[in-house]
């Protein structure tokens, strides 16, 4: 049995929110800066990222409680704490829209770092879709969430990670089944 380590930092709750993608953009930027400088929060963030990545592939009806269960949980918490349950938020987070960027390829932009020329996005390829040959201007990191993806001769399946070094080229990227991945890459990649 492993030892549970409690993060002693007062920013632990915000670190958890950052890992879950539950912070507003301004608050997320401040949390990223804090995590970069705090060893305790960085360890917590990295361990939570693995868990979040694992959960990302789960069907949403498994991760989210049903409305009836949600009501029962709220009633029980209210009864035990003596406080009324909060009204549901209608102004909560909403997913960015999927945008078609090429035939069979859609992206959902998550974050942009214009100073470092980096973007983070979800990318979805339809069955049979392919991405054009390209050369990486910087580090490219890809985490496959569902489906299958081929990068040259390497087949990725859900949970696989692919690191593309700066200057490296991908000649053929395609999916026979369709797929969704998290991609962090340079905005300066060169298509050929």
Protein backbone atom coordinates (compact mmCIF):
# COMPACT_ATOMS: atom_id res chain seq x y z
CA UNK A 1 0.00 0.00 0.00
CA UNK A 2 1.47 3.39 -0.97
CA UNK A 3 1.81 6.32 1.38
CA UNK A 4 -0.60 9.17 0.75
CA UNK A 5 1.16 12.51 0.56
CA UNK A 6 -0.83 15.59 1.49
CA UNK A 7 0.19 18.76 -0.30
CA UNK A 8 0.94 21.30 2.47
CA UNK A 9 0.70 24.29 0.12
CA UNK A 10 -2.29 26.60 0.51
CA UNK A 11 -2.70 26.60 -3.29
CA UNK A 12 -3.48 22.86 -3.44
CA UNK A 13 -7.16 23.38 -4.24
CA UNK A 14 -6.35 25.69 -7.15
CA UNK A 15 -3.75 23.17 -8.38
CA UNK A 16 -6.49 20.51 -8.46
CA UNK A 17 -8.77 22.88 -10.37
CA UNK A 18 -6.00 23.50 -12.90
CA UNK A 19 -5.46 19.76 -13.44
CA UNK A 20 -9.20 19.29 -13.99
CA UNK A 21 -9.42 22.23 -16.41
CA UNK A 22 -11.98 23.83 -14.10
CA UNK A 23 -10.41 27.29 -13.71
CA UNK A 24 -11.25 30.48 -15.56
CA UNK A 25 -8.48 31.51 -18.01
CA UNK A 26 -7.02 34.24 -15.77
CA UNK A 27 -7.06 32.03 -12.70
CA UNK A 28 -5.57 29.14 -14.71
CA UNK A 29 -2.67 31.34 -15.85
CA UNK A 30 -1.92 32.34 -12.24
CA UNK A 31 -2.16 28.70 -11.14
CA UNK A 32 0.27 27.61 -13.89
CA UNK A 33 2.79 30.19 -12.69
CA UNK A 34 2.41 28.98 -9.11
CA UNK A 35 2.78 25.31 -10.09
CA UNK A 36 5.95 26.14 -12.03
CA UNK A 37 7.54 27.55 -8.87
CA UNK A 38 6.15 25.25 -6.16
CA UNK A 39 7.59 21.73 -5.95
CA UNK A 40 4.68 20.41 -3.84
CA UNK A 41 2.04 21.69 -6.26
CA UNK A 42 4.05 20.56 -9.29
CA UNK A 43 4.15 16.98 -7.90
CA UNK A 44 0.43 17.12 -7.15
CA UNK A 45 -0.38 18.54 -10.59
CA UNK A 46 1.69 15.89 -12.39
CA UNK A 47 0.07 13.06 -10.44
CA UNK A 48 -3.40 14.47 -11.09
CA UNK A 49 -2.67 14.89 -14.82
CA UNK A 50 -2.16 11.13 -15.14
CA UNK A 51 -5.50 10.50 -13.46
CA UNK A 52 -7.28 13.13 -15.58
CA UNK A 53 -5.77 11.65 -18.74
CA UNK A 54 -6.97 8.19 -17.72
CA UNK A 55 -10.49 9.48 -17.03
CA UNK A 56 -10.67 11.43 -20.29
CA UNK A 57 -11.28 8.22 -22.22
CA UNK A 58 -14.16 7.10 -20.01
CA UNK A 59 -17.72 7.49 -21.27
CA UNK A 60 -19.23 10.61 -19.69
CA UNK A 61 -22.18 8.68 -18.29
CA UNK A 62 -19.72 6.72 -16.12
CA UNK A 63 -17.88 9.81 -14.86
CA UNK A 64 -20.91 12.05 -14.23
CA UNK A 65 -23.62 11.01 -11.78
CA UNK A 66 -27.15 10.78 -13.09
CA UNK A 67 -29.43 13.75 -12.27
CA UNK A 68 -31.31 11.60 -9.72
CA UNK A 69 -28.07 10.56 -7.99
CA UNK A 70 -26.85 14.17 -8.07
CA UNK A 71 -30.08 15.31 -6.33
CA UNK A 72 -29.75 12.57 -3.70
CA UNK A 73 -26.11 13.49 -3.04
CA UNK A 74 -26.97 17.19 -2.69
CA UNK A 75 -29.86 16.39 -0.30
CA UNK A 76 -27.64 14.15 1.85
CA UNK A 77 -24.81 16.71 2.00
CA UNK A 78 -27.32 19.43 2.86
CA UNK A 79 -28.83 17.30 5.65
CA UNK A 80 -25.40 16.44 7.11
CA UNK A 81 -24.00 19.98 6.96
CA UNK A 82 -27.19 21.84 7.84
CA UNK A 83 -26.68 24.11 4.83
CA UNK A 84 -28.93 24.31 1.79
CA UNK A 85 -27.48 22.84 -1.38
CA UNK A 86 -26.21 25.48 -3.79
CA UNK A 87 -28.29 26.30 -6.82
CA UNK A 88 -26.86 24.71 -9.94
CA UNK A 89 -24.56 27.02 -11.82
CA UNK A 90 -25.76 27.99 -15.26
CA UNK A 91 -22.63 29.99 -15.99
CA UNK A 92 -20.18 27.11 -15.57
CA UNK A 93 -17.53 26.00 -17.96
CA UNK A 94 -18.59 25.10 -21.47
CA UNK A 95 -16.42 23.23 -23.91
CA UNK A 96 -14.89 25.19 -26.77
CA UNK A 97 -16.55 24.56 -30.13
CA UNK A 98 -15.08 22.01 -32.53
CA UNK A 99 -13.80 23.72 -35.67
CA UNK A 100 -13.19 21.98 -38.98
CA UNK A 101 -9.62 22.69 -40.11
CA UNK A 102 -9.32 20.24 -43.01
CA UNK A 103 -11.47 17.48 -44.48
CA UNK A 104 -12.10 14.97 -41.69
CA UNK A 105 -10.11 16.94 -39.08
CA UNK A 106 -11.61 19.04 -36.29
CA UNK A 107 -9.88 20.90 -33.46
CA UNK A 108 -10.97 22.30 -30.13
CA UNK A 109 -8.47 24.99 -29.09
CA UNK A 110 -7.77 24.80 -25.35
CA UNK A 111 -4.92 27.27 -24.79
CA UNK A 112 -2.54 29.47 -26.74
CA UNK A 113 0.87 30.69 -25.57
CA UNK A 114 1.74 33.38 -28.11
CA UNK A 115 5.06 34.20 -26.42
CA UNK A 116 6.32 30.62 -26.85
CA UNK A 117 4.39 29.95 -30.10
CA UNK A 118 2.58 26.95 -28.55
CA UNK A 119 -0.99 25.70 -28.63
CA UNK A 120 -2.85 23.01 -26.73
CA UNK A 121 -5.85 21.47 -28.44
CA UNK A 122 -8.04 18.46 -28.79
CA UNK A 123 -7.85 17.06 -32.31
CA UNK A 124 -10.41 14.69 -33.79
CA UNK A 125 -9.81 12.74 -37.01
CA UNK A 126 -12.70 11.07 -38.79
CA UNK A 127 -12.23 7.46 -39.95
CA UNK A 128 -9.87 7.46 -42.93
CA UNK A 129 -8.68 11.06 -42.38
CA UNK A 130 -5.02 11.99 -42.65
CA UNK A 131 -2.89 14.98 -41.68
CA UNK A 132 -0.40 16.38 -44.20
CA UNK A 133 3.34 15.72 -43.88
CA UNK A 134 4.94 18.28 -41.59
CA UNK A 135 8.13 19.24 -39.76
CA UNK A 136 8.03 20.18 -36.09
CA UNK A 137 9.26 23.69 -35.31
CA UNK A 138 9.30 22.83 -31.59
CA UNK A 139 8.42 19.92 -29.33
CA UNK A 140 5.17 18.17 -30.26
CA UNK A 141 3.41 16.14 -27.57
CA UNK A 142 0.43 13.97 -28.41
CA UNK A 143 -1.66 11.87 -26.02
CA UNK A 144 -4.21 9.61 -27.72
CA UNK A 145 -7.56 9.58 -25.91
CA UNK A 146 -9.60 7.25 -28.13
CA UNK A 147 -9.45 5.40 -31.42
CA UNK A 148 -6.26 4.47 -33.26
CA UNK A 149 -3.71 6.79 -34.84
CA UNK A 150 -0.78 5.96 -37.08
CA UNK A 151 2.28 8.22 -37.12
CA UNK A 152 4.45 6.93 -39.93
CA UNK A 153 4.93 3.23 -38.99
CA UNK A 154 3.91 3.57 -35.32
CA UNK A 155 0.37 2.65 -34.30
CA UNK A 156 -0.96 4.47 -31.22
CA UNK A 157 -3.87 3.20 -29.13
CA UNK A 158 -5.75 4.95 -26.28
CA UNK A 159 -3.39 6.08 -23.54
CA UNK A 160 -0.30 6.16 -25.80
CA UNK A 161 1.97 9.21 -25.80
CA UNK A 162 4.05 10.40 -28.73
CA UNK A 163 6.95 12.85 -28.46
CA UNK A 164 8.01 14.67 -31.61
CA UNK A 165 11.40 16.39 -31.33
CA UNK A 166 12.02 19.84 -32.85
CA UNK A 167 13.11 19.45 -36.48
CA UNK A 168 11.66 15.92 -36.76
CA UNK A 169 9.21 15.22 -39.57
CA UNK A 170 6.06 13.14 -39.73
CA UNK A 171 5.51 11.89 -43.26
CA UNK A 172 2.12 10.27 -42.71
CA UNK A 173 -0.36 10.73 -39.87
CA UNK A 174 -3.72 9.01 -40.31
CA UNK A 175 -6.50 7.11 -38.60
CA UNK A 176 -8.37 4.14 -40.01
CA UNK A 177 -10.88 4.12 -37.13
CA UNK A 178 -11.10 7.81 -36.28
CA UNK A 179 -9.55 9.16 -33.08
CA UNK A 180 -9.33 11.98 -30.58
CA UNK A 181 -6.06 13.22 -29.11
CA UNK A 182 -4.66 15.96 -26.93
CA UNK A 183 -1.98 17.80 -28.90
CA UNK A 184 0.49 20.38 -27.60
CA UNK A 185 2.60 21.76 -30.43
CA UNK A 186 4.25 24.76 -32.03
CA UNK A 187 2.24 27.23 -34.07
CA UNK A 188 5.25 27.40 -36.43
CA UNK A 189 5.21 23.78 -37.69
CA UNK A 190 5.82 23.61 -41.44
CA UNK A 191 3.38 21.70 -43.64
CA UNK A 192 4.83 20.16 -46.78
